[in-house]
Protein backbone atom coordinates (compact mmCIF):
# COMPACT_ATOMS: atom_id res chain seq x y z
CA PRO A 1 25.61 -39.47 33.54
CA GLN A 2 26.05 -43.29 33.71
CA SER A 3 22.96 -43.56 30.95
CA MET A 4 24.88 -41.83 28.59
CA LEU A 5 28.14 -43.57 29.28
CA ARG A 6 26.70 -47.41 28.94
CA THR A 7 25.23 -46.06 25.72
CA ILE A 8 28.56 -45.04 24.51
CA ARG A 9 29.99 -48.50 25.23
CA PHE A 10 27.15 -50.12 23.60
CA LEU A 11 27.67 -48.37 20.22
CA LEU A 12 31.57 -49.06 20.17
CA LEU A 13 30.94 -52.53 21.25
CA ILE A 14 28.91 -52.79 18.06
CA SER A 15 30.89 -51.46 16.00
CA ALA A 16 33.65 -53.41 17.08
CA LEU A 17 36.26 -51.46 17.68
CA PRO A 18 39.26 -52.84 19.45
CA SER A 19 39.26 -51.48 23.24
CA GLU A 20 42.69 -49.87 22.61
CA CYS A 21 41.00 -47.03 21.01
CA PHE A 22 39.44 -45.45 23.29
CA ASN A 23 40.32 -44.98 27.39
CA PHE A 24 37.30 -43.31 30.12
CA GLY A 25 38.99 -40.52 32.28
CA THR A 26 37.78 -40.88 35.96
CA ASN A 27 37.10 -37.59 36.66
CA SER A 28 33.35 -35.97 37.14
CA HIS A 29 32.37 -35.34 33.64
CA LYS A 30 33.62 -39.30 32.03
CA ARG A 31 35.27 -37.53 29.56
CA ILE A 32 36.11 -39.93 26.30
CA VAL A 33 39.52 -39.43 25.04
CA PHE A 34 40.01 -41.51 21.50
CA LYS A 35 43.52 -41.94 20.33
CA ARG A 36 44.07 -42.51 16.64
CA ILE A 37 44.99 -45.49 15.25
CA SER A 38 46.07 -45.52 11.88
CA LYS A 39 45.96 -48.81 10.03
CA PRO A 40 47.23 -49.58 6.18
CA VAL A 41 44.27 -49.58 3.73
CA VAL A 42 45.13 -52.54 1.37
CA ILE A 43 43.22 -51.89 -1.96
CA THR A 44 42.66 -55.06 -3.98
CA ARG A 45 41.98 -54.32 -8.04
CA ARG A 46 40.47 -56.92 -9.41
CA PHE A 47 42.02 -58.03 -13.19
CA ALA A 48 39.38 -57.41 -16.21
CA LEU A 49 40.14 -57.50 -19.83
CA THR A 50 39.06 -54.85 -22.22
CA GLU A 51 36.48 -55.73 -25.00
CA ALA A 52 39.54 -55.98 -27.44
CA GLU A 53 41.34 -58.29 -25.10
CA ASP A 54 38.16 -60.74 -24.56
CA GLN A 55 37.24 -60.90 -28.09
CA ALA A 56 40.96 -62.05 -28.54
CA LEU A 57 40.17 -64.40 -25.76
CA ILE A 58 37.31 -65.92 -27.66
CA LYS A 59 38.53 -66.20 -31.28
CA ARG A 60 41.59 -67.89 -29.75
CA VAL A 61 39.38 -70.70 -27.84
CA THR A 62 37.02 -70.96 -30.48
CA ASN A 63 40.25 -71.96 -32.96
CA GLU A 64 41.46 -74.67 -29.72
CA VAL A 65 38.35 -75.89 -29.78
CA LEU A 66 38.47 -76.27 -33.56
CA THR A 67 41.70 -77.90 -33.20
CA GLU A 68 41.46 -80.26 -30.85
CA SER A 69 37.58 -81.66 -30.66
CA GLY A 70 36.62 -80.56 -34.64
CA VAL A 71 33.83 -78.94 -34.16
CA SER A 72 33.21 -75.12 -33.37
CA LEU A 73 32.70 -73.48 -30.20
CA ASP A 74 28.98 -73.10 -30.50
CA GLN A 75 29.09 -77.54 -30.63
CA LEU A 76 30.19 -77.94 -26.68
CA ILE A 77 27.67 -79.03 -24.67
CA ASN A 78 28.49 -75.85 -22.78
CA PRO A 79 30.23 -73.16 -24.60
CA SER A 80 29.78 -70.54 -22.27
CA LYS A 81 31.60 -72.14 -19.37
CA VAL A 82 34.82 -72.86 -21.14
CA ILE A 83 34.81 -68.88 -21.90
CA ASN A 84 34.38 -67.94 -18.48
CA LEU A 85 37.19 -70.33 -17.50
CA GLU A 86 39.85 -69.43 -19.59
CA ARG A 87 38.99 -65.80 -18.48
CA ASP A 88 39.21 -66.93 -14.55
CA LEU A 89 42.46 -68.56 -15.52
CA VAL A 90 43.69 -65.54 -17.50
CA ARG A 91 43.10 -63.91 -14.10
CA LEU A 92 44.42 -66.35 -11.78
CA ARG A 93 47.52 -66.20 -13.61
CA ASN A 94 47.80 -62.24 -13.55
CA GLU A 95 47.36 -62.40 -10.07
CA LEU A 96 50.38 -64.90 -9.63
CA SER A 97 52.23 -62.74 -11.53
CA THR A 98 52.03 -60.41 -9.01
CA ALA A 99 51.56 -62.41 -5.71
CA LYS A 100 54.61 -61.95 -2.86
CA ASN A 101 52.98 -64.18 -0.57
CA SER A 102 53.90 -68.08 -0.37
CA ASP A 103 50.54 -69.03 0.93
CA ASP A 104 48.89 -66.85 -1.93
CA ILE A 105 51.12 -68.26 -4.47
CA THR A 106 50.22 -72.11 -3.62
CA ASP A 107 46.37 -71.08 -3.33
CA ILE A 108 46.27 -69.33 -6.59
CA GLU A 109 48.97 -72.25 -8.36
CA ARG A 110 46.03 -75.09 -6.63
CA LYS A 111 43.19 -72.89 -8.32
CA ILE A 112 44.72 -72.61 -11.68
CA ASP A 113 45.06 -76.18 -11.72
CA SER A 114 41.54 -77.00 -10.93
CA LYS A 115 40.09 -74.91 -13.51
CA GLU A 116 42.71 -76.30 -16.24
CA LYS A 117 41.42 -79.81 -15.29
CA THR A 118 37.99 -78.76 -15.66
CA LEU A 119 38.84 -76.72 -18.81
CA PHE A 120 40.12 -79.61 -20.94
CA VAL A 121 37.13 -82.23 -19.63
CA GLU A 122 34.64 -78.78 -21.02
CA LYS A 123 36.39 -78.33 -24.21
CA ARG A 124 35.93 -82.11 -25.20
CA SER A 125 32.54 -82.83 -24.14
CA VAL A 126 30.63 -82.76 -27.16
CA MET A 127 27.10 -82.73 -28.38
CA ARG A 128 26.88 -86.78 -29.77
CA ASP A 129 24.34 -87.31 -32.16
CA TRP A 130 22.44 -89.58 -29.48
CA LEU A 131 21.41 -86.43 -27.07
CA LYS A 132 20.65 -84.45 -30.17
CA GLN A 133 18.19 -86.90 -31.63
CA LEU A 134 16.58 -87.12 -27.69
CA PHE A 135 16.17 -82.94 -28.67
CA VAL A 136 14.54 -83.77 -32.20
CA ALA A 137 12.21 -86.67 -30.52
CA GLN A 138 11.66 -83.80 -27.36
CA ALA A 139 10.53 -81.22 -29.41
CA ALA A 140 7.84 -83.98 -31.85
CA LEU A 141 6.47 -85.42 -28.52
CA SER A 142 5.67 -81.79 -27.41
CA VAL A 143 4.15 -80.80 -30.90
CA VAL A 144 1.94 -84.35 -30.29
CA ILE A 145 0.98 -83.00 -26.62
CA ALA A 146 0.33 -79.94 -27.62
CA GLY A 147 -2.50 -80.97 -30.73
CA LEU A 148 -4.19 -83.58 -27.92
CA LEU A 149 -4.36 -80.75 -25.69
CA VAL A 150 -5.97 -77.86 -27.76
CA TYR A 151 -8.37 -80.53 -29.81
CA ASP A 152 -9.67 -81.53 -26.45
CA GLN A 153 -8.67 -85.55 -26.53
CA PHE A 154 -5.76 -85.86 -24.24
CA PRO A 155 -5.81 -89.64 -23.37
CA GLY A 156 -8.11 -89.95 -19.58
CA LEU A 157 -8.61 -85.80 -19.48
CA PRO A 158 -12.22 -85.07 -21.32
CA ASN A 159 -13.58 -81.74 -21.28
CA LEU A 160 -10.20 -80.19 -20.37
CA ASP A 161 -10.52 -76.57 -19.11
CA LEU A 162 -9.70 -74.15 -21.37
CA SER A 163 -6.74 -73.07 -19.34
CA LEU A 164 -5.21 -76.21 -20.22
CA ARG A 165 -6.33 -75.99 -24.34
CA VAL A 166 -4.72 -72.68 -24.15
CA LEU A 167 -1.35 -74.13 -22.72
CA GLY A 168 -1.24 -76.61 -25.87
CA PHE A 169 -0.75 -73.60 -28.26
CA TRP A 170 1.72 -72.57 -26.12
CA LEU A 171 4.30 -75.56 -25.99
CA ILE A 172 5.24 -74.77 -29.25
CA TRP A 173 7.15 -72.28 -27.93
CA LEU A 174 7.81 -73.01 -24.56
CA PHE A 175 9.03 -76.32 -25.65
CA ALA A 176 8.96 -77.68 -29.36
CA ILE A 177 11.00 -74.59 -31.02
CA PRO A 178 13.83 -74.30 -27.73
CA SER A 179 14.40 -78.45 -28.10
CA LEU A 180 15.50 -77.51 -31.83
CA ARG A 181 17.94 -74.54 -31.06
CA ALA A 182 19.35 -76.81 -28.19
CA ARG A 183 20.55 -79.16 -30.50
CA LYS A 184 22.76 -76.63 -32.14
CA PRO A 185 22.12 -77.30 -35.84
CA SER A 186 25.24 -76.58 -37.65
CA ASP A 187 23.47 -75.28 -40.74
CA SER A 188 23.14 -71.50 -41.11
CA ARG A 189 19.81 -71.95 -42.80
CA GLU A 190 18.28 -73.67 -40.17
CA LYS A 191 19.62 -71.52 -37.26
CA THR A 192 18.49 -68.86 -38.70
CA ALA A 193 14.47 -70.83 -39.19
CA LEU A 194 14.49 -71.27 -35.49
CA ASN A 195 15.29 -67.66 -34.68
CA ILE A 196 13.02 -66.35 -36.79
CA ALA A 197 10.43 -69.20 -35.52
CA PHE A 198 11.48 -68.84 -31.59
CA LEU A 199 11.18 -64.05 -32.46
CA LEU A 200 7.68 -64.76 -33.93
CA SER A 201 6.08 -67.82 -32.22
CA PRO A 202 5.16 -65.38 -29.32
CA ILE A 203 3.91 -62.66 -31.19
CA VAL A 204 1.49 -64.12 -33.28
CA THR A 205 0.06 -66.14 -30.16
CA LEU A 206 -0.40 -63.04 -27.73
CA ILE A 207 -2.33 -61.20 -31.27
CA SER A 208 -4.23 -63.92 -32.02
CA PRO A 209 -6.45 -63.62 -29.33
CA PHE A 210 -8.02 -60.71 -31.13
CA TYR A 211 -9.09 -62.15 -33.90
CA THR A 212 -9.94 -65.90 -32.84
CA LYS A 213 -10.46 -67.37 -29.65
CA ASP A 214 -10.07 -70.94 -30.78
CA PRO A 215 -6.95 -72.63 -29.81
CA ILE A 216 -6.80 -75.46 -32.41
CA VAL A 217 -6.51 -72.31 -35.18
CA ILE A 218 -3.70 -70.74 -32.95
CA TYR A 219 -2.22 -74.06 -32.93
CA TRP A 220 -1.72 -74.05 -36.26
CA LEU A 221 -1.39 -70.47 -36.84
CA ASN A 222 2.11 -71.60 -34.68
CA ILE A 223 3.07 -74.34 -36.90
CA LEU A 224 2.46 -72.23 -39.49
CA THR A 225 4.81 -70.00 -38.12
CA CYS A 226 7.38 -71.94 -37.43
CA LEU A 227 7.23 -73.60 -41.13
CA LEU A 228 7.11 -70.46 -43.04
CA SER A 229 10.16 -69.42 -40.52
CA TYR A 230 12.05 -72.70 -41.87
CA GLY A 231 11.09 -71.80 -46.13
CA TYR A 232 12.65 -68.47 -45.44
CA GLY A 233 15.84 -69.75 -43.49
CA TYR A 234 16.66 -72.34 -45.93
CA LEU A 235 15.73 -69.85 -48.98
CA PHE A 236 17.35 -66.89 -47.59
CA GLY A 237 18.93 -67.79 -44.22
CA SER A 238 23.07 -68.94 -45.55
CA ASP A 239 22.76 -65.20 -45.67
CA TRP A 240 22.12 -64.26 -41.78
CA ASP A 241 24.93 -63.53 -39.65
CA GLU A 242 23.98 -62.91 -35.65
CA SER A 243 27.04 -61.23 -34.89
CA ASN A 244 26.32 -58.24 -37.59
CA GLN A 245 22.21 -58.06 -36.91
CA PRO A 246 21.04 -54.99 -34.66
CA GLN A 247 21.53 -54.63 -31.10
CA TRP A 248 17.92 -54.84 -30.32
CA LEU A 249 17.95 -57.85 -31.76
CA LYS A 250 20.84 -59.13 -29.79
CA PHE A 251 19.46 -58.59 -26.87
CA LEU A 252 16.05 -60.28 -27.79
CA PHE A 253 18.04 -63.74 -28.81
CA LYS A 254 20.01 -63.84 -24.98
CA ALA A 255 16.84 -62.37 -23.35
CA LEU A 256 15.30 -65.19 -24.88
CA ASP A 257 17.42 -68.22 -25.19
CA PHE A 258 16.94 -69.94 -22.27
CA GLY A 259 16.45 -73.10 -23.53
CA SER A 260 18.65 -73.77 -26.25
CA GLY A 261 22.53 -73.97 -24.74
CA LYS A 262 23.44 -71.29 -27.56
CA GLU A 263 24.75 -68.50 -24.90
CA ARG A 264 29.09 -68.43 -25.26
CA GLY A 265 29.48 -66.11 -22.55
CA MET A 266 29.95 -62.44 -25.07
CA ARG A 267 30.46 -59.61 -22.80
CA LYS A 268 29.48 -56.61 -23.86
């Protein structure tokens, strides 16, 4: 029937089949004869580093950064970008070694040149002292603002709503601690202290309302948590090695570490 023929033609059009693959007969049965079209299937295998190769790459880049810039990898502004650029270069050079087409070779060489220039800049983008001081000032300011909120003493805003006072004690975890971590302190003891504070502060904040509804008390509990974390860090933090911690703890640091810039491009 004509309706069936139109339907088949529509389906063939939608599926973008070339017109050469079918031929409509002229007899009363409107037979459809499909021709076989064999096209070569090209499977592109994406080059990927093994875990051992990836760890060796990270170790090599760490040594190069230390030699070229005089700082450790995590002292760069964007260490994860450096690692990912190095991975991309390894992949592109592998593709270049197997490329046959001159256009593909030119395109790959252009990409390699672009990434090498970006990598050169990123390897020398070290966090400066003024930026670290800015993060410290940001942390101190957030603590002051948090105190004004919980005490209901914020200038120009009398009789604050309870939700704003609650925001006050959350600012310790949301801004103060991440700002200090964003400095990327070189002292392992301070790193330990801030890691512990970053994990304990939200726990304290969530548990405290079961015992007290006073925002001022919860605010000071957060401050005390930070002080105790620093005390523990400076007493025992020199033995802390994040890479040797349990997997669940590593996962927590990676999941919560949205503001400190500590992500190193490590792949598990």
